Amino acid sequence: MGDPNGHERADKRALRERLLAERRTRGPKERDRVGSKVRDALMDLPWPAMGGTVACYYSVGGEPDTRGLVHALWKRGAYVLLPILLPDHTLDWASFDGPDSLSPAGHGLVEPTGDRYGPEVLGRADAVICPALAVDRHGVRMGRGAGCYDRALAHKGPHTPAIAVVHDEEFVTKLPSEPHDRPVDGVVTPNGGLHVFDPAATVWPVGGRGRSGSGPGSAGG
């Protein structure tokens, strides 16, 4: 008996290769322009101004730049968590405490060097901003294929929004999907800003559960 998901996997592989190839053509100026628009789109929302705990990521390569967003959230008073890729492709998390808290980690990645909180810390985040190669109009997210964020998003709270960041043309009508794929609640594109798929399905953060504590490890975080 054939693999019932084999066609979807083949479609995803081909699309993933094309999207990665297109990203490799983007130069530094384009990445900076896109990153500024993404940062402004998210920082213009009310909730980043209210502190809280935000899980984000430090962009690499042709990804829409999120480094400016990470710095802006941190300066605004948010407790920012960044991922640490473990050998089994699980994501651990540690806090961003400024540029000196980061270290190169191979494969172009930059990771925080502080105390690790474990994968389960996403259950105490107020929002999760995650990478994607593409997102469709139903919230289906396509990653790089290792499943890191599908597993990570399983730990977030049921009312915590997951927001993917993609280029404008990577927000598409429909993507092939498999049962293990975790959807996102919203997507940010540089020219389209934030698109929320179902505002009634989650409670968008309006202010920081984590602000009065000392971070994810505190009793109040």
Protein backbone atom coordinates (compact mmCIF):
# COMPACT_ATOMS: atom_id res chain seq x y z
CA MET A 1 0.00 0.00 0.00
CA GLY A 2 1.36 3.39 -0.97
CA ASP A 3 2.09 6.27 1.33
CA PRO A 4 -1.16 8.32 1.52
CA ASN A 5 0.86 11.47 2.17
CA GLY A 6 3.54 10.83 -0.44
CA HIS A 7 2.13 13.28 -2.98
CA GLU A 8 1.91 16.06 -0.39
CA ARG A 9 5.50 15.41 0.71
CA ALA A 10 6.76 15.58 -2.88
CA ASP A 11 4.86 18.82 -3.49
CA LYS A 12 6.26 20.30 -0.28
CA ARG A 13 9.83 19.34 -1.15
CA ALA A 14 9.60 20.95 -4.59
CA LEU A 15 8.00 24.11 -3.25
CA ARG A 16 10.47 24.32 -0.36
CA GLU A 17 13.43 24.10 -2.75
CA ARG A 18 11.98 26.84 -4.95
CA LEU A 19 11.31 29.17 -2.02
CA LEU A 20 14.78 28.65 -0.58
CA ALA A 21 16.34 29.35 -3.98
CA GLU A 22 14.36 32.59 -4.27
CA ARG A 23 15.44 33.68 -0.81
CA ARG A 24 19.09 33.16 -1.70
CA THR A 25 18.74 35.87 -4.36
CA ARG A 26 17.81 38.56 -1.82
CA GLY A 27 20.60 40.99 -1.00
CA PRO A 28 21.38 42.75 2.29
CA LYS A 29 19.51 45.96 1.36
CA GLU A 30 16.36 44.02 0.55
CA ARG A 31 16.61 42.05 3.80
CA ASP A 32 17.03 45.28 5.78
CA ARG A 33 14.04 46.89 4.04
CA VAL A 34 11.83 43.88 4.70
CA GLY A 35 13.02 43.63 8.30
CA SER A 36 12.21 47.27 9.02
CA LYS A 37 8.68 46.86 7.69
CA VAL A 38 8.10 43.67 9.69
CA ARG A 39 9.44 45.31 12.85
CA ASP A 40 7.24 48.38 12.39
CA ALA A 41 4.14 46.30 11.62
CA LEU A 42 4.46 44.37 14.88
CA MET A 43 5.70 47.22 17.07
CA ASP A 44 2.75 49.38 15.98
CA LEU A 45 0.39 46.91 17.66
CA PRO A 46 -0.65 47.64 21.25
CA TRP A 47 0.62 44.43 22.85
CA PRO A 48 4.39 44.80 22.30
CA ALA A 49 4.22 48.04 24.28
CA MET A 50 2.84 46.16 27.28
CA GLY A 51 5.82 43.95 28.04
CA GLY A 52 5.15 40.27 28.66
CA THR A 53 7.03 37.26 27.31
CA VAL A 54 7.52 36.94 23.56
CA ALA A 55 9.22 33.96 21.95
CA CYS A 56 10.91 35.13 18.76
CA TYR A 57 13.88 34.07 16.60
CA TYR A 58 17.07 35.60 15.25
CA SER A 59 16.81 35.50 11.46
CA VAL A 60 19.51 34.00 9.22
CA GLY A 61 20.22 34.00 5.50
CA GLY A 62 17.38 35.08 3.26
CA GLU A 63 14.74 35.03 6.00
CA PRO A 64 12.86 38.30 6.56
CA ASP A 65 15.08 40.07 9.07
CA THR A 66 13.84 39.83 12.67
CA ARG A 67 16.97 41.03 14.45
CA GLY A 68 15.67 44.59 14.60
CA LEU A 69 12.36 43.27 15.95
CA VAL A 70 14.13 41.30 18.70
CA HIS A 71 16.04 44.41 19.80
CA ALA A 72 12.91 46.59 19.63
CA LEU A 73 10.85 44.17 21.75
CA TRP A 74 13.65 43.92 24.31
CA LYS A 75 14.08 47.69 24.52
CA ARG A 76 10.30 48.09 24.88
CA GLY A 77 10.37 45.92 28.01
CA ALA A 78 9.32 42.51 26.70
CA TYR A 79 11.00 39.39 28.03
CA VAL A 80 12.28 37.93 24.75
CA LEU A 81 12.99 34.22 24.37
CA LEU A 82 15.16 32.91 21.52
CA PRO A 83 15.48 29.29 20.39
CA ILE A 84 18.42 26.94 20.81
CA LEU A 85 18.51 24.06 18.32
CA LEU A 86 19.26 20.76 20.06
CA PRO A 87 20.83 17.75 18.26
CA ASP A 88 17.44 15.99 17.98
CA HIS A 89 15.94 19.14 16.34
CA THR A 90 14.00 20.02 19.49
CA LEU A 91 14.03 23.72 20.40
CA ASP A 92 15.13 24.83 23.85
CA TRP A 93 14.75 28.49 24.82
CA ALA A 94 16.82 31.13 26.64
CA SER A 95 16.39 34.84 27.16
CA PHE A 96 17.77 37.62 24.98
CA ASP A 97 19.62 40.09 27.20
CA GLY A 98 21.16 42.29 24.54
CA PRO A 99 23.74 41.64 21.81
CA ASP A 100 26.37 40.40 24.29
CA SER A 101 24.06 37.52 25.28
CA LEU A 102 24.37 35.89 21.83
CA SER A 103 26.94 33.55 20.37
CA PRO A 104 27.44 31.89 16.93
CA ALA A 105 26.09 28.36 16.91
CA GLY A 106 27.02 26.95 13.50
CA HIS A 107 25.02 26.82 10.25
CA GLY A 108 24.79 30.61 10.41
CA LEU A 109 22.66 30.47 13.57
CA VAL A 110 23.07 32.81 16.51
CA GLU A 111 21.82 31.61 19.90
CA PRO A 112 21.44 33.00 23.42
CA THR A 113 24.01 31.86 25.96
CA GLY A 114 22.01 32.27 29.19
CA ASP A 115 20.09 29.78 31.31
CA ARG A 116 17.86 27.43 29.35
CA TYR A 117 14.19 27.08 30.25
CA GLY A 118 13.26 23.94 28.30
CA PRO A 119 10.82 23.41 25.42
CA GLU A 120 7.83 23.67 27.74
CA VAL A 121 8.48 27.37 28.46
CA LEU A 122 6.36 28.28 25.43
CA GLY A 123 3.38 27.40 27.59
CA ARG A 124 4.08 30.63 29.50
CA ALA A 125 4.66 32.90 26.50
CA ASP A 126 2.24 35.68 25.60
CA ALA A 127 3.02 35.38 21.88
CA VAL A 128 5.21 33.23 19.62
CA ILE A 129 6.77 34.77 16.50
CA CYS A 130 8.06 31.98 14.29
CA PRO A 131 9.86 31.57 10.97
CA ALA A 132 8.24 30.09 7.88
CA LEU A 133 9.02 29.60 4.22
CA ALA A 134 5.38 30.18 3.33
CA VAL A 135 1.94 30.49 4.93
CA ASP A 136 -1.42 30.01 3.24
CA ARG A 137 -4.79 31.69 3.71
CA HIS A 138 -5.88 29.01 6.19
CA GLY A 139 -2.87 29.41 8.47
CA VAL A 140 -0.99 26.37 7.18
CA ARG A 141 2.71 26.99 7.75
CA MET A 142 5.58 25.53 5.74
CA GLY A 143 8.93 25.30 7.50
CA ARG A 144 12.30 23.97 6.37
CA GLY A 145 11.30 20.33 6.86
CA ALA A 146 12.94 19.38 10.17
CA GLY A 147 9.72 19.78 12.16
CA CYS A 148 11.37 21.97 14.84
CA TYR A 149 8.54 24.47 15.06
CA ASP A 150 5.76 21.91 14.62
CA ARG A 151 7.05 20.29 17.82
CA ALA A 152 7.72 23.64 19.52
CA LEU A 153 4.25 25.04 18.84
CA ALA A 154 2.73 21.98 20.52
CA HIS A 155 3.98 23.47 23.82
CA LYS A 156 2.37 26.91 23.52
CA GLY A 157 -0.79 27.76 25.42
CA PRO A 158 -4.13 27.22 23.66
CA HIS A 159 -4.83 30.95 23.61
CA THR A 160 -1.31 32.11 22.78
CA PRO A 161 -1.06 33.42 19.20
CA ALA A 162 1.60 32.00 16.90
CA ILE A 163 2.58 34.55 14.25
CA ALA A 164 4.69 33.62 11.22
CA VAL A 165 6.87 36.08 9.29
CA VAL A 166 7.18 35.75 5.50
CA HIS A 167 7.77 37.85 2.41
CA ASP A 168 4.69 39.15 0.61
CA GLU A 169 4.80 36.57 -2.19
CA GLU A 170 5.23 33.75 0.36
CA PHE A 171 1.72 34.38 1.71
CA VAL A 172 -0.10 32.09 -0.71
CA THR A 173 -3.59 30.78 -1.39
CA LYS A 174 -3.00 27.14 -0.46
CA LEU A 175 -0.14 24.93 0.70
CA PRO A 176 0.14 21.14 0.78
CA SER A 177 -0.13 19.94 4.36
CA GLU A 178 0.28 16.82 6.47
CA PRO A 179 -1.39 15.81 9.75
CA HIS A 180 1.61 16.82 11.89
CA ASP A 181 1.73 20.39 10.52
CA ARG A 182 0.88 22.98 13.17
CA PRO A 183 -1.07 26.00 11.90
CA VAL A 184 -0.33 29.58 12.90
CA ASP A 185 -2.85 32.18 14.09
CA GLY A 186 -1.49 35.08 12.09
CA VAL A 187 1.10 36.08 9.51
CA VAL A 188 3.12 39.26 9.04
CA THR A 189 4.31 40.39 5.62
CA PRO A 190 6.33 43.56 4.94
CA ASN A 191 3.70 45.29 2.82
CA GLY A 192 0.55 43.63 4.14
CA GLY A 193 1.25 43.91 7.87
CA LEU A 194 -0.49 41.50 10.23
CA HIS A 195 -3.19 39.17 8.94
CA VAL A 196 -5.17 37.28 11.62
CA PHE A 197 -6.86 34.09 10.45
CA ASP A 198 -9.54 33.72 13.12
CA PRO A 199 -9.60 36.47 15.77
CA ALA A 200 -12.12 34.49 17.81
CA ALA A 201 -9.92 31.40 18.01
CA THR A 202 -7.31 32.86 20.35
CA VAL A 203 -6.88 35.66 22.86
CA TRP A 204 -4.47 38.19 21.39
CA PRO A 205 -2.22 39.56 24.11
CA VAL A 206 -3.05 42.99 25.46
CA GLY A 207 -0.50 43.12 28.24
CA GLY A 208 2.07 41.19 30.00
CA ARG A 209 1.48 38.19 32.12
CA GLY A 210 5.27 38.07 32.44
CA ARG A 211 5.94 41.74 33.08
CA SER A 212 5.63 41.70 36.86
CA GLY A 213 7.79 38.59 37.26
CA SER A 214 11.44 38.00 36.51
CA GLY A 215 10.86 36.02 33.35
CA PRO A 216 9.60 32.58 32.36
CA GLY A 217 11.15 30.90 35.37
CA SER A 218 9.37 33.09 37.90
CA ALA A 219 6.18 32.18 39.69
CA GLY A 220 4.35 34.99 37.95
CA GLY A 221 5.80 34.29 34.47
